[in-house]
Amino acid sequence: MFGLGMPELVIILVIIVIIFGAGKLPEIGSGIGKGIKNFKNATRSEDEKKKIDDDTNGGPAT
């Protein structure tokens, strides 16, 4: 994972807590989770659109 070990990850976490404060961490985590969920839904809908296009056109486009 990018060559990061446990000590580096702990240092990054401490810096994030110092910058944002402990009270903001749940809000940040919630925002990141919603962003990931929206990204997954968008990519899933794109895959479904492509599959529908492939089915209606007789196969994948070349």
Protein backbone atom coordinates (compact mmCIF):
# COMPACT_ATOMS: atom_id res chain seq x y z
CA MET A 1 0.00 0.00 0.00
CA PHE A 2 2.27 2.74 -1.33
CA GLY A 3 5.07 1.58 0.95
CA LEU A 4 3.35 3.00 4.04
CA GLY A 5 3.81 1.08 7.24
CA MET A 6 1.93 1.30 10.50
CA PRO A 7 4.08 4.11 11.97
CA GLU A 8 3.50 6.32 8.93
CA LEU A 9 -0.26 5.72 9.03
CA VAL A 10 -0.37 6.60 12.74
CA ILE A 11 1.52 9.84 12.08
CA ILE A 12 -0.90 10.75 9.27
CA LEU A 13 -3.88 10.02 11.53
CA VAL A 14 -2.44 12.21 14.30
CA ILE A 15 -1.91 15.07 11.84
CA ILE A 16 -5.50 14.73 10.60
CA VAL A 17 -6.84 14.81 14.17
CA ILE A 18 -4.76 17.92 14.91
CA ILE A 19 -5.93 19.71 11.76
CA PHE A 20 -9.64 18.84 11.86
CA GLY A 21 -10.20 18.04 15.51
CA ALA A 22 -11.74 14.90 16.93
CA GLY A 23 -15.29 16.27 16.62
CA LYS A 24 -15.12 16.62 12.84
CA LEU A 25 -13.82 13.11 12.12
CA PRO A 26 -17.28 11.44 12.03
CA GLU A 27 -18.51 14.08 9.56
CA ILE A 28 -15.45 13.60 7.37
CA GLY A 29 -15.87 9.82 7.46
CA SER A 30 -19.54 10.13 6.58
CA GLY A 31 -18.76 12.42 3.66
CA ILE A 32 -16.10 10.06 2.33
CA GLY A 33 -18.49 7.11 2.66
CA LYS A 34 -21.23 8.93 0.76
CA GLY A 35 -18.75 9.87 -1.95
CA ILE A 36 -17.63 6.28 -2.38
CA LYS A 37 -21.25 5.10 -2.50
CA ASN A 38 -22.12 7.68 -5.16
CA PHE A 39 -19.06 6.68 -7.19
CA LYS A 40 -20.02 3.00 -7.05
CA ASN A 41 -23.60 3.79 -8.10
CA ALA A 42 -22.39 5.93 -11.00
CA THR A 43 -20.00 3.28 -12.29
CA ARG A 44 -22.66 0.59 -11.87
CA SER A 45 -25.19 2.59 -13.88
CA GLU A 46 -22.59 3.21 -16.61
CA ASP A 47 -21.90 -0.53 -16.79
CA GLU A 48 -25.64 -1.24 -17.04
CA LYS A 49 -26.05 1.34 -19.83
CA LYS A 50 -23.16 -0.21 -21.75
CA LYS A 51 -24.63 -3.70 -21.34
CA ILE A 52 -28.04 -2.52 -22.57
CA ASP A 53 -26.41 -0.82 -25.59
CA ASP A 54 -24.45 -3.99 -26.35
CA ASP A 55 -27.61 -6.11 -26.14
CA THR A 56 -29.65 -3.81 -28.41
CA ASN A 57 -26.86 -3.45 -30.99
CA GLY A 58 -26.19 -7.16 -31.30
CA GLY A 59 -22.94 -7.26 -29.36
CA PRO A 60 -20.05 -5.18 -28.13
CA ALA A 61 -18.82 -2.33 -30.28
CA THR A 62 -15.48 -2.83 -31.97
